[in-house]
Every structure is written in C-alpha cells, then in structure tokens.
C-alpha cells in the first residue's frame, strides 16, 4: 500500500477548539499543516432534526499511514459525539510539497 498524501476534513464548533485540534495534530506529527477556515455555515441532520451552525473547517495535510493516529487525536479532543473525520486521497501535487508533508509527519522517537 502506498503511503500517499491525504487531506483530512474536520469541523470544529469554534476557533479555540479548532486551534487546539490543529496544535495537537502538529505536535503528534499527524499533520504537516492545518488550515483553519472560520465562518463555515453548516446545515445537517442530527438525531432526526435539521440543525444549523457556524463552524470552523479544518483541512489537515497528512498521509495515509498517519490516519489512524490522526483520528485518535481528533476523537480524544473533539467535543462532538460524532466529529467529522473524512480522509481524501490526493491525486498528486508538487513533489517538493509532498516530500515536505512526508517529512513533517514522520514520527520522531521519544527522547
């Protein structure tokens, strides 16, 4: 199996939660970069009712081999019962950027 670059989508209820998730993912080397896009207007069905909320969209740049750990970190810190965790395989990209993602998401041995 190829250890390809992935984008992981996750929404958060506010800026503070989004920043906390992003920093934890970076600290755990699950992400090379996390974009935080505030002001996302979400409509969704939850427990049979259509809900509406303002959220922050996280776009997490990672790789396939780090997905399980990425999910673990998100679930440990996320306030939602069912957080959005959707991984999208990249079709390609700049070789130097993809190499940077791989380098920054390489787990480091504990000191």
PDB file of N, CA and C in Angstrom:
ATOM      1  N   UNK A   1       0.843  -1.184   0.000  1.00  0.00           N
ATOM      2  CA  UNK A   1       0.000   0.000   0.000  1.00  0.00           C
ATOM      3  C   UNK A   1       0.886   1.245   0.000  1.00  0.00           C
ATOM      4  N   UNK A   2       0.545   2.177  -0.820  1.00  0.00           N
ATOM      5  CA  UNK A   2       1.289   3.422  -0.940  1.00  0.00           C
ATOM      6  C   UNK A   2       0.964   4.347   0.232  1.00  0.00           C
ATOM      7  N   UNK A   3       1.973   5.010   0.731  1.00  0.00           N
ATOM      8  CA  UNK A   3       1.773   5.967   1.821  1.00  0.00           C
ATOM      9  C   UNK A   3       1.568   7.351   1.222  1.00  0.00           C
ATOM     10  N   UNK A   4       0.462   7.499   0.514  1.00  0.00           N
ATOM     11  CA  UNK A   4       0.164   8.716  -0.225  1.00  0.00           C
ATOM     12  C   UNK A   4      -0.276   9.855   0.688  1.00  0.00           C
ATOM     13  N   UNK A   5      -0.163  11.058   0.171  1.00  0.00           N
ATOM     14  CA  UNK A   5      -0.642  12.241   0.896  1.00  0.00           C
ATOM     15  C   UNK A   5      -2.161  12.215   0.926  1.00  0.00           C
ATOM     16  N   UNK A   6      -2.705  12.695   2.038  1.00  0.00           N
ATOM     17  CA  UNK A   6      -4.156  12.788   2.193  1.00  0.00           C
ATOM     18  C   UNK A   6      -4.523  14.156   2.757  1.00  0.00           C
ATOM     19  N   UNK A   7      -5.761  14.530   2.528  1.00  0.00           N
ATOM     20  CA  UNK A   7      -6.370  15.676   3.181  1.00  0.00           C
ATOM     21  C   UNK A   7      -7.434  15.116   4.102  1.00  0.00           C
ATOM     22  N   UNK A   8      -7.440  15.555   5.336  1.00  0.00           N
ATOM     23  CA  UNK A   8      -8.463  15.127   6.286  1.00  0.00           C
ATOM     24  C   UNK A   8      -9.315  16.339   6.613  1.00  0.00           C
ATOM     25  N   UNK A   9     -10.620  16.189   6.448  1.00  0.00           N
ATOM     26  CA  UNK A   9     -11.560  17.255   6.769  1.00  0.00           C
ATOM     27  C   UNK A   9     -12.155  17.008   8.144  1.00  0.00           C
ATOM     28  N   UNK A  10     -12.261  18.087   8.906  1.00  0.00           N
ATOM     29  CA  UNK A  10     -12.847  18.020  10.241  1.00  0.00           C
ATOM     30  C   UNK A  10     -13.412  19.400  10.549  1.00  0.00           C
ATOM     31  N   UNK A  11     -14.611  19.462  11.105  1.00  0.00           N
ATOM     32  CA  UNK A  11     -15.155  20.745  11.536  1.00  0.00           C
ATOM     33  C   UNK A  11     -15.074  20.840  13.053  1.00  0.00           C
ATOM     34  N   UNK A  12     -14.988  22.068  13.537  1.00  0.00           N
ATOM     35  CA  UNK A  12     -14.946  22.344  14.974  1.00  0.00           C
ATOM     36  C   UNK A  12     -15.977  23.431  15.267  1.00  0.00           C
ATOM     37  N   UNK A  13     -16.470  23.477  16.497  1.00  0.00           N
ATOM     38  CA  UNK A  13     -17.526  24.438  16.816  1.00  0.00           C
ATOM     39  C   UNK A  13     -17.054  25.885  16.962  1.00  0.00           C
ATOM     40  N   UNK A  14     -15.734  26.086  17.165  1.00  0.00           N
ATOM     41  CA  UNK A  14     -15.248  27.453  17.381  1.00  0.00           C
ATOM     42  C   UNK A  14     -13.735  27.516  17.134  1.00  0.00           C
ATOM     43  N   UNK A  15     -13.210  28.742  17.117  1.00  0.00           N
ATOM     44  CA  UNK A  15     -11.783  28.960  16.843  1.00  0.00           C
ATOM     45  C   UNK A  15     -10.881  28.292  17.873  1.00  0.00           C
ATOM     46  N   UNK A  16     -11.253  28.374  19.145  1.00  0.00           N
ATOM     47  CA  UNK A  16     -10.412  27.804  20.198  1.00  0.00           C
ATOM     48  C   UNK A  16     -10.284  26.295  20.046  1.00  0.00           C
ATOM     49  N   UNK A  17     -11.390  25.625  19.781  1.00  0.00           N
ATOM     50  CA  UNK A  17     -11.347  24.174  19.580  1.00  0.00           C
ATOM     51  C   UNK A  17     -10.540  23.829  18.348  1.00  0.00           C
ATOM     52  N   UNK A  18     -10.746  24.565  17.263  1.00  0.00           N
ATOM     53  CA  UNK A  18     -10.018  24.311  16.023  1.00  0.00           C
ATOM     54  C   UNK A  18      -8.512  24.481  16.235  1.00  0.00           C
ATOM     55  N   UNK A  19      -8.114  25.525  16.930  1.00  0.00           N
ATOM     56  CA  UNK A  19      -6.689  25.756  17.204  1.00  0.00           C
ATOM     57  C   UNK A  19      -6.110  24.661  18.086  1.00  0.00           C
ATOM     58  N   UNK A  20      -6.861  24.239  19.091  1.00  0.00           N
ATOM     59  CA  UNK A  20      -6.404  23.167  19.984  1.00  0.00           C
ATOM     60  C   UNK A  20      -6.208  21.862  19.200  1.00  0.00           C
ATOM     61  N   UNK A  21      -7.151  21.545  18.326  1.00  0.00           N
ATOM     62  CA  UNK A  21      -7.031  20.341  17.489  1.00  0.00           C
ATOM     63  C   UNK A  21      -5.826  20.446  16.558  1.00  0.00           C
ATOM     64  N   UNK A  22      -5.675  21.592  15.910  1.00  0.00           N
ATOM     65  CA  UNK A  22      -4.571  21.775  14.964  1.00  0.00           C
ATOM     66  C   UNK A  22      -3.223  21.625  15.651  1.00  0.00           C
ATOM     67  N   UNK A  23      -3.060  22.262  16.793  1.00  0.00           N
ATOM     68  CA  UNK A  23      -1.779  22.179  17.519  1.00  0.00           C
ATOM     69  C   UNK A  23      -1.496  20.758  18.004  1.00  0.00           C
ATOM     70  N   UNK A  24      -2.525  20.060  18.459  1.00  0.00           N
ATOM     71  CA  UNK A  24      -2.332  18.674  18.907  1.00  0.00           C
ATOM     72  C   UNK A  24      -1.933  17.782  17.737  1.00  0.00           C
ATOM     73  N   UNK A  25      -2.538  17.991  16.581  1.00  0.00           N
ATOM     74  CA  UNK A  25      -2.186  17.200  15.391  1.00  0.00           C
ATOM     75  C   UNK A  25      -0.759  17.487  14.939  1.00  0.00           C
ATOM     76  N   UNK A  26      -0.357  18.746  14.999  1.00  0.00           N
ATOM     77  CA  UNK A  26       1.016  19.100  14.646  1.00  0.00           C
ATOM     78  C   UNK A  26       2.006  18.531  15.663  1.00  0.00           C
ATOM     79  N   UNK A  27       1.687  18.654  16.943  1.00  0.00           N
ATOM     80  CA  UNK A  27       2.565  18.121  17.994  1.00  0.00           C
ATOM     81  C   UNK A  27       2.744  16.615  17.870  1.00  0.00           C
ATOM     82  N   UNK A  28       1.674  15.910  17.481  1.00  0.00           N
ATOM     83  CA  UNK A  28       1.722  14.453  17.333  1.00  0.00           C
ATOM     84  C   UNK A  28       2.300  14.032  15.982  1.00  0.00           C
ATOM     85  N   UNK A  29       2.659  15.015  15.164  1.00  0.00           N
ATOM     86  CA  UNK A  29       3.199  14.782  13.824  1.00  0.00           C
ATOM     87  C   UNK A  29       2.211  14.033  12.929  1.00  0.00           C
ATOM     88  N   UNK A  30       0.938  14.277  13.175  1.00  0.00           N
ATOM     89  CA  UNK A  30      -0.114  13.726  12.323  1.00  0.00           C
ATOM     90  C   UNK A  30      -0.381  14.635  11.132  1.00  0.00           C
ATOM     91  N   UNK A  31       0.063  15.865  11.227  1.00  0.00           N
ATOM     92  CA  UNK A  31      -0.181  16.852  10.183  1.00  0.00           C
ATOM     93  C   UNK A  31       1.087  17.658   9.929  1.00  0.00           C
ATOM     94  N   UNK A  32       1.280  18.003   8.667  1.00  0.00           N
ATOM     95  CA  UNK A  32       2.348  18.931   8.306  1.00  0.00           C
ATOM     96  C   UNK A  32       1.819  20.363   8.349  1.00  0.00           C
ATOM     97  N   UNK A  33       0.515  20.499   8.099  1.00  0.00           N
ATOM     98  CA  UNK A  33      -0.125  21.807   8.043  1.00  0.00           C
ATOM     99  C   UNK A  33      -1.614  21.599   8.286  1.00  0.00           C
ATOM    100  N   UNK A  34      -2.223  22.545   8.974  1.00  0.00           N
ATOM    101  CA  UNK A  34      -3.677  22.527   9.163  1.00  0.00           C
ATOM    102  C   UNK A  34      -4.210  23.908   8.827  1.00  0.00           C
ATOM    103  N   UNK A  35      -5.084  23.985   7.838  1.00  0.00           N
ATOM    104  CA  UNK A  35      -5.753  25.241   7.514  1.00  0.00           C
ATOM    105  C   UNK A  35      -7.024  25.334   8.345  1.00  0.00           C
ATOM    106  N   UNK A  36      -7.257  26.481   8.958  1.00  0.00           N
ATOM    107  CA  UNK A  36      -8.468  26.741   9.729  1.00  0.00           C
ATOM    108  C   UNK A  36      -9.285  27.786   8.979  1.00  0.00           C
ATOM    109  N   UNK A  37     -10.471  27.390   8.547  1.00  0.00           N
ATOM    110  CA  UNK A  37     -11.322  28.275   7.766  1.00  0.00           C
ATOM    111  C   UNK A  37     -12.559  28.595   8.601  1.00  0.00           C
ATOM    112  N   UNK A  38     -12.579  29.794   9.207  1.00  0.00           N
ATOM    113  CA  UNK A  38     -13.719  30.160  10.055  1.00  0.00           C
ATOM    114  C   UNK A  38     -14.941  30.534   9.222  1.00  0.00           C
ATOM    115  N   UNK A  39     -16.087  30.587   9.901  1.00  0.00           N
ATOM    116  CA  UNK A  39     -17.301  31.092   9.262  1.00  0.00           C
ATOM    117  C   UNK A  39     -17.999  30.115   8.348  1.00  0.00           C
ATOM    118  N   UNK A  40     -17.712  28.821   8.466  1.00  0.00           N
ATOM    119  CA  UNK A  40     -18.403  27.835   7.650  1.00  0.00           C
ATOM    120  C   UNK A  40     -19.833  27.718   8.173  1.00  0.00           C
ATOM    121  N   UNK A  41     -20.790  27.834   7.285  1.00  0.00           N
ATOM    122  CA  UNK A  41     -22.203  27.740   7.653  1.00  0.00           C
ATOM    123  C   UNK A  41     -22.646  26.316   7.327  1.00  0.00           C
ATOM    124  N   UNK A  42     -22.896  25.512   8.357  1.00  0.00           N
ATOM    125  CA  UNK A  42     -23.239  24.104   8.175  1.00  0.00           C
ATOM    126  C   UNK A  42     -24.703  23.852   8.469  1.00  0.00           C
ATOM    127  N   UNK A  43     -25.335  23.090   7.607  1.00  0.00           N
ATOM    128  CA  UNK A  43     -26.676  22.568   7.843  1.00  0.00           C
ATOM    129  C   UNK A  43     -26.565  21.058   7.764  1.00  0.00           C
ATOM    130  N   UNK A  44     -27.154  20.369   8.720  1.00  0.00           N
ATOM    131  CA  UNK A  44     -27.020  18.915   8.762  1.00  0.00           C
ATOM    132  C   UNK A  44     -28.181  18.312   9.538  1.00  0.00           C
ATOM    133  N   UNK A  45     -28.418  17.043   9.295  1.00  0.00           N
ATOM    134  CA  UNK A  45     -29.453  16.345  10.041  1.00  0.00           C
ATOM    135  C   UNK A  45     -28.778  15.639  11.211  1.00  0.00           C
ATOM    136  N   UNK A  46     -29.276  15.874  12.434  1.00  0.00           N
ATOM    137  CA  UNK A  46     -28.737  15.230  13.636  1.00  0.00           C
ATOM    138  C   UNK A  46     -29.901  14.752  14.481  1.00  0.00           C
ATOM    139  N   UNK A  47     -29.951  13.474  14.709  1.00  0.00           N
ATOM    140  CA  UNK A  47     -30.990  12.842  15.518  1.00  0.00           C
ATOM    141  C   UNK A  47     -32.390  13.220  15.026  1.00  0.00           C
ATOM    142  N   UNK A  48     -32.549  13.204  13.703  1.00  0.00           N
ATOM    143  CA  UNK A  48     -33.842  13.434  13.076  1.00  0.00           C
ATOM    144  C   UNK A  48     -34.249  14.873  12.900  1.00  0.00           C
ATOM    145  N   UNK A  49     -33.400  15.802  13.297  1.00  0.00           N
ATOM    146  CA  UNK A  49     -33.732  17.228  13.207  1.00  0.00           C
ATOM    147  C   UNK A  49     -32.681  17.933  12.351  1.00  0.00           C
ATOM    148  N   UNK A  50     -33.118  18.834  11.496  1.00  0.00           N
ATOM    149  CA  UNK A  50     -32.171  19.628  10.716  1.00  0.00           C
ATOM    150  C   UNK A  50     -31.616  20.721  11.608  1.00  0.00           C
ATOM    151  N   UNK A  51     -30.305  20.728  11.736  1.00  0.00           N
ATOM    152  CA  UNK A  51     -29.585  21.691  12.569  1.00  0.00           C
ATOM    153  C   UNK A  51     -28.836  22.676  11.680  1.00  0.00           C
ATOM    154  N   UNK A  52     -28.466  23.795  12.264  1.00  0.00           N
ATOM    155  CA  UNK A  52     -27.711  24.830  11.565  1.00  0.00           C
ATOM    156  C   UNK A  52     -26.679  25.383  12.535  1.00  0.00           C
ATOM    157  N   UNK A  53     -25.431  25.536  12.064  1.00  0.00           N
ATOM    158  CA  UNK A  53     -24.376  26.015  12.962  1.00  0.00           C
ATOM    159  C   UNK A  53     -23.290  26.732  12.170  1.00  0.00           C
ATOM    160  N   UNK A  54     -22.593  27.608  12.864  1.00  0.00           N
ATOM    161  CA  UNK A  54     -21.362  28.213  12.349  1.00  0.00           C
ATOM    162  C   UNK A  54     -20.223  27.368  12.886  1.00  0.00           C
ATOM    163  N   UNK A  55     -19.309  26.971  12.024  1.00  0.00           N
ATOM    164  CA  UNK A  55     -18.214  26.108  12.422  1.00  0.00           C
ATOM    165  C   UNK A  55     -16.911  26.601  11.801  1.00  0.00           C
ATOM    166  N   UNK A  56     -15.827  25.988  12.218  1.00  0.00           N
ATOM    167  CA  UNK A  56     -14.508  26.216  11.627  1.00  0.00           C
ATOM    168  C   UNK A  56     -14.123  24.924  10.915  1.00  0.00           C
ATOM    169  N   UNK A  57     -13.789  25.037   9.632  1.00  0.00           N
ATOM    170  CA  UNK A  57     -13.368  23.867   8.847  1.00  0.00           C
ATOM    171  C   UNK A  57     -11.862  23.700   8.964  1.00  0.00           C
ATOM    172  N   UNK A  58     -11.429  22.517   9.370  1.00  0.00           N
ATOM    173  CA  UNK A  58     -10.007  22.180   9.373  1.00  0.00           C
ATOM    174  C   UNK A  58      -9.705  21.372   8.119  1.00  0.00           C
ATOM    175  N   UNK A  59      -8.644  21.749   7.420  1.00  0.00           N
ATOM    176  CA  UNK A  59      -8.117  20.961   6.309  1.00  0.00           C
ATOM    177  C   UNK A  59      -6.725  20.530   6.736  1.00  0.00           C
ATOM    178  N   UNK A  60      -6.599  19.245   7.004  1.00  0.00           N
ATOM    179  CA  UNK A  60      -5.391  18.675   7.592  1.00  0.00           C
ATOM    180  C   UNK A  60      -4.582  17.990   6.497  1.00  0.00           C
ATOM    181  N   UNK A  61      -3.327  18.419   6.310  1.00  0.00           N
ATOM    182  CA  UNK A  61      -2.444  17.792   5.326  1.00  0.00           C
ATOM    183  C   UNK A  61      -1.631  16.721   6.027  1.00  0.00           C
ATOM    184  N   UNK A  62      -1.805  15.476   5.603  1.00  0.00           N
ATOM    185  CA  UNK A  62      -1.161  14.354   6.262  1.00  0.00           C
ATOM    186  C   UNK A  62      -0.826  13.279   5.241  1.00  0.00           C
ATOM    187  N   UNK A  63      -0.706  12.051   5.721  1.00  0.00           N
ATOM    188  CA  UNK A  63      -0.502  10.917   4.813  1.00  0.00           C
ATOM    189  C   UNK A  63      -1.212   9.693   5.362  1.00  0.00           C
ATOM    190  N   UNK A  64      -1.440   8.753   4.491  1.00  0.00           N
ATOM    191  CA  UNK A  64      -2.290   7.606   4.811  1.00  0.00           C
ATOM    192  C   UNK A  64      -1.826   6.857   6.055  1.00  0.00           C
ATOM    193  N   UNK A  65      -0.531   6.696   6.230  1.00  0.00           N
ATOM    194  CA  UNK A  65      -0.024   5.934   7.371  1.00  0.00           C
ATOM    195  C   UNK A  65      -0.289   6.623   8.713  1.00  0.00           C
ATOM    196  N   UNK A  66      -0.654   7.884   8.703  1.00  0.00           N
ATOM    197  CA  UNK A  66      -0.905   8.640   9.936  1.00  0.00           C
ATOM    198  C   UNK A  66      -2.399   8.815  10.215  1.00  0.00           C
ATOM    199  N   UNK A  67      -3.258   8.232   9.364  1.00  0.00           N
ATOM    200  CA  UNK A  67      -4.696   8.445   9.507  1.00  0.00           C
ATOM    201  C   UNK A  67      -5.239   7.908  10.830  1.00  0.00           C
ATOM    202  N   UNK A  68      -4.865   6.720  11.227  1.00  0.00           N
ATOM    203  CA  UNK A  68      -5.394   6.152  12.476  1.00  0.00           C
ATOM    204  C   UNK A  68      -5.016   7.027  13.671  1.00  0.00           C
ATOM    205  N   UNK A  69      -3.774   7.504  13.709  1.00  0.00           N
ATOM    206  CA  UNK A  69      -3.345   8.374  14.807  1.00  0.00           C
ATOM    207  C   UNK A  69      -4.048   9.731  14.725  1.00  0.00           C
ATOM    208  N   UNK A  70      -4.249  10.235  13.520  1.00  0.00           N
ATOM    209  CA  UNK A  70      -4.989  11.489  13.336  1.00  0.00           C
ATOM    210  C   UNK A  70      -6.391  11.347  13.908  1.00  0.00           C
ATOM    211  N   UNK A  71      -7.053  10.252  13.603  1.00  0.00           N
ATOM    212  CA  UNK A  71      -8.398  10.006  14.124  1.00  0.00           C
ATOM    213  C   UNK A  71      -8.378   9.893  15.649  1.00  0.00           C
ATOM    214  N   UNK A  72      -7.382   9.222  16.197  1.00  0.00           N
ATOM    215  CA  UNK A  72      -7.279   9.071  17.649  1.00  0.00           C
ATOM    216  C   UNK A  72      -7.160  10.437  18.330  1.00  0.00           C
ATOM    217  N   UNK A  73      -6.294  11.303  17.799  1.00  0.00           N
ATOM    218  CA  UNK A  73      -6.094  12.639  18.377  1.00  0.00           C
ATOM    219  C   UNK A  73      -7.388  13.453  18.297  1.00  0.00           C
ATOM    220  N   UNK A  74      -8.043  13.425  17.143  1.00  0.00           N
ATOM    221  CA  UNK A  74      -9.286  14.192  16.988  1.00  0.00           C
ATOM    222  C   UNK A  74     -10.337  13.697  17.975  1.00  0.00           C
ATOM    223  N   UNK A  75     -10.536  12.398  18.041  1.00  0.00           N
ATOM    224  CA  UNK A  75     -11.572  11.847  18.935  1.00  0.00           C
ATOM    225  C   UNK A  75     -11.278  12.151  20.409  1.00  0.00           C
ATOM    226  N   UNK A  76     -10.002  12.178  20.780  1.00  0.00           N
ATOM    227  CA  UNK A  76      -9.633  12.442  22.175  1.00  0.00           C
ATOM    228  C   UNK A  76      -9.938  13.876  22.591  1.00  0.00           C
ATOM    229  N   UNK A  77      -9.902  14.816  21.655  1.00  0.00           N
ATOM    230  CA  UNK A  77     -10.027  16.236  21.998  1.00  0.00           C
ATOM    231  C   UNK A  77     -11.308  16.900  21.522  1.00  0.00           C
ATOM    232  N   UNK A  78     -12.035  16.249  20.633  1.00  0.00           N
ATOM    233  CA  UNK A  78     -13.184  16.893  19.988  1.00  0.00           C
ATOM    234  C   UNK A  78     -14.422  16.847  20.885  1.00  0.00           C
ATOM    235  N   UNK A  79     -15.164  17.960  20.963  1.00  0.00           N
ATOM    236  CA  UNK A  79     -16.357  17.976  21.813  1.00  0.00           C
ATOM    237  C   UNK A  79     -17.590  17.308  21.187  1.00  0.00           C
ATOM    238  N   UNK A  80     -17.591  17.078  19.871  1.00  0.00           N
ATOM    239  CA  UNK A  80     -18.759  16.472  19.227  1.00  0.00           C
ATOM    240  C   UNK A  80     -18.821  14.973  19.522  1.00  0.00           C
ATOM    241  N   UNK A  81     -20.020  14.443  19.631  1.00  0.00           N
ATOM    242  CA  UNK A  81     -20.201  12.992  19.773  1.00  0.00           C
ATOM    243  C   UNK A  81     -19.677  12.252  18.543  1.00  0.00           C
ATOM    244  N   UNK A  82     -19.926  12.834  17.370  1.00  0.00           N
ATOM    245  CA  UNK A  82     -19.507  12.232  16.111  1.00  0.00           C
ATOM    246  C   UNK A  82     -18.781  13.310  15.286  1.00  0.00           C
ATOM    247  N   UNK A  83     -17.475  13.489  15.516  1.00  0.00           N
ATOM    248  CA  UNK A  83     -16.757  14.515  14.746  1.00  0.00           C
ATOM    249  C   UNK A  83     -16.590  14.104  13.287  1.00  0.00           C
ATOM    250  N   UNK A  84     -16.579  15.100  12.428  1.00  0.00           N
ATOM    251  CA  UNK A  84     -16.290  14.846  11.015  1.00  0.00           C
ATOM    252  C   UNK A  84     -14.828  14.434  10.895  1.00  0.00           C
ATOM    253  N   UNK A  85     -14.599  13.269  10.325  1.00  0.00           N
ATOM    254  CA  UNK A  85     -13.250  12.804  10.002  1.00  0.00           C
ATOM    255  C   UNK A  85     -13.362  12.129   8.638  1.00  0.00           C
ATOM    256  N   UNK A  86     -13.010  12.873   7.604  1.00  0.00           N
ATOM    257  CA  UNK A  86     -13.105  12.368   6.243  1.00  0.00           C
ATOM    258  C   UNK A  86     -11.736  12.524   5.593  1.00  0.00           C
ATOM    259  N   UNK A  87     -11.153  11.419   5.160  1.00  0.00           N
ATOM    260  CA  UNK A  87      -9.846  11.445   4.507  1.00  0.00           C
ATOM    261  C   UNK A  87     -10.036  11.363   2.998  1.00  0.00           C
ATOM    262  N   UNK A  88      -9.325  12.229   2.295  1.00  0.00           N
ATOM    263  CA  UNK A  88      -9.386  12.280   0.839  1.00  0.00           C
ATOM    264  C   UNK A  88      -7.986  12.035   0.300  1.00  0.00           C
ATOM    265  N   UNK A  89      -7.842  11.044  -0.548  1.00  0.00           N
ATOM    266  CA  UNK A  89      -6.548  10.738  -1.159  1.00  0.00           C
ATOM    267  C   UNK A  89      -6.229  11.811  -2.199  1.00  0.00           C
ATOM    268  N   UNK A  90      -5.010  12.296  -2.185  1.00  0.00           N
ATOM    269  CA  UNK A  90      -4.599  13.285  -3.174  1.00  0.00           C
ATOM    270  C   UNK A  90      -4.241  12.581  -4.478  1.00  0.00           C
ATOM    271  N   UNK A  91      -4.534  13.225  -5.572  1.00  0.00           N
ATOM    272  CA  UNK A  91      -4.220  12.668  -6.888  1.00  0.00           C
ATOM    273  C   UNK A  91      -2.792  12.995  -7.302  1.00  0.00           C
ATOM    274  N   UNK A  92      -2.178  13.935  -6.637  1.00  0.00           N
ATOM    275  CA  UNK A  92      -0.824  14.355  -6.986  1.00  0.00           C
ATOM    276  C   UNK A  92      -0.533  15.670  -6.309  1.00  0.00           C
ATOM    277  N   UNK A  93       0.534  16.301  -6.761  1.00  0.00           N
ATOM    278  CA  UNK A  93       0.919  17.576  -6.192  1.00  0.00           C
ATOM    279  C   UNK A  93       2.382  17.837  -6.477  1.00  0.00           C
ATOM    280  N   UNK A  94       2.859  18.978  -6.031  1.00  0.00           N
ATOM    281  CA  UNK A  94       4.268  19.310  -6.210  1.00  0.00           C
ATOM    282  C   UNK A  94       5.137  18.326  -5.431  1.00  0.00           C
ATOM    283  N   UNK A  95       6.112  17.766  -6.088  1.00  0.00           N
ATOM    284  CA  UNK A  95       6.966  16.752  -5.457  1.00  0.00           C
ATOM    285  C   UNK A  95       7.615  17.282  -4.189  1.00  0.00           C
ATOM    286  N   UNK A  96       8.078  18.526  -4.213  1.00  0.00           N
ATOM    287  CA  UNK A  96       8.728  19.082  -3.026  1.00  0.00           C
ATOM    288  C   UNK A  96       7.740  19.281  -1.883  1.00  0.00           C
ATOM    289  N   UNK A  97       6.493  19.672  -2.189  1.00  0.00           N
ATOM    290  CA  UNK A  97       5.471  19.845  -1.153  1.00  0.00           C
ATOM    291  C   UNK A  97       5.073  18.497  -0.564  1.00  0.00           C
ATOM    292  N   UNK A  98       4.897  17.501  -1.408  1.00  0.00           N
ATOM    293  CA  UNK A  98       4.542  16.167  -0.926  1.00  0.00           C
ATOM    294  C   UNK A  98       5.669  15.571  -0.085  1.00  0.00           C
ATOM    295  N   UNK A  99       6.911  15.836  -0.460  1.00  0.00           N
ATOM    296  CA  UNK A  99       8.056  15.364   0.342  1.00  0.00           C
ATOM    297  C   UNK A  99       8.068  16.066   1.693  1.00  0.00           C
ATOM    298  N   UNK A 100       7.710  17.348   1.717  1.00  0.00           N
ATOM    299  CA  UNK A 100       7.644  18.093   2.978  1.00  0.00           C
ATOM    300  C   UNK A 100       6.571  17.500   3.889  1.00  0.00           C
ATOM    301  N   UNK A 101       5.393  17.176   3.342  1.00  0.00           N
ATOM    302  CA  UNK A 101       4.343  16.535   4.139  1.00  0.00           C
ATOM    303  C   UNK A 101       4.867  15.236   4.734  1.00  0.00           C
ATOM    304  N   UNK A 102       5.515  14.418   3.924  1.00  0.00           N
ATOM    305  CA  UNK A 102       6.051  13.140   4.409  1.00  0.00           C
ATOM    306  C   UNK A 102       7.069  13.356   5.518  1.00  0.00           C
ATOM    307  N   UNK A 103       7.948  14.322   5.341  1.00  0.00           N
ATOM    308  CA  UNK A 103       8.977  14.597   6.338  1.00  0.00           C
ATOM    309  C   UNK A 103       8.381  15.080   7.652  1.00  0.00           C
ATOM    310  N   UNK A 104       7.414  15.987   7.571  1.00  0.00           N
ATOM    311  CA  UNK A 104       6.839  16.589   8.776  1.00  0.00           C
ATOM    312  C   UNK A 104       5.886  15.666   9.522  1.00  0.00           C
ATOM    313  N   UNK A 105       5.455  14.596   8.879  1.00  0.00           N
ATOM    314  CA  UNK A 105       4.551  13.650   9.541  1.00  0.00           C
ATOM    315  C   UNK A 105       5.259  12.349   9.905  1.00  0.00           C
ATOM    316  N   UNK A 106       6.567  12.349   9.817  1.00  0.00           N
ATOM    317  CA  UNK A 106       7.344  11.177  10.225  1.00  0.00           C
ATOM    318  C   UNK A 106       7.423  11.183  11.753  1.00  0.00           C
ATOM    319  N   UNK A 107       6.925  10.130  12.392  1.00  0.00           N
ATOM    320  CA  UNK A 107       7.003  10.094  13.860  1.00  0.00           C
ATOM    321  C   UNK A 107       8.460  10.160  14.332  1.00  0.00           C
ATOM    322  N   UNK A 108       8.680  10.892  15.396  1.00  0.00           N
ATOM    323  CA  UNK A 108      10.015  11.024  15.974  1.00  0.00           C
ATOM    324  C   UNK A 108      10.112  10.125  17.207  1.00  0.00           C
ATOM    325  N   UNK A 109      11.261   9.497  17.417  1.00  0.00           N
ATOM    326  CA  UNK A 109      11.410   8.685  18.631  1.00  0.00           C
ATOM    327  C   UNK A 109      11.356   9.573  19.879  1.00  0.00           C
ATOM    328  N   UNK A 110      10.836   9.018  20.936  1.00  0.00           N
ATOM    329  CA  UNK A 110      10.769   9.749  22.211  1.00  0.00           C
ATOM    330  C   UNK A 110      12.178   9.993  22.730  1.00  0.00           C
ATOM    331  N   UNK A 111      12.433  11.174  23.331  1.00  0.00           N
ATOM    332  CA  UNK A 111      13.787  11.478  23.840  1.00  0.00           C
ATOM    333  C   UNK A 111      14.148  10.632  25.038  1.00  0.00           C
TER     334      UNK A 111
END
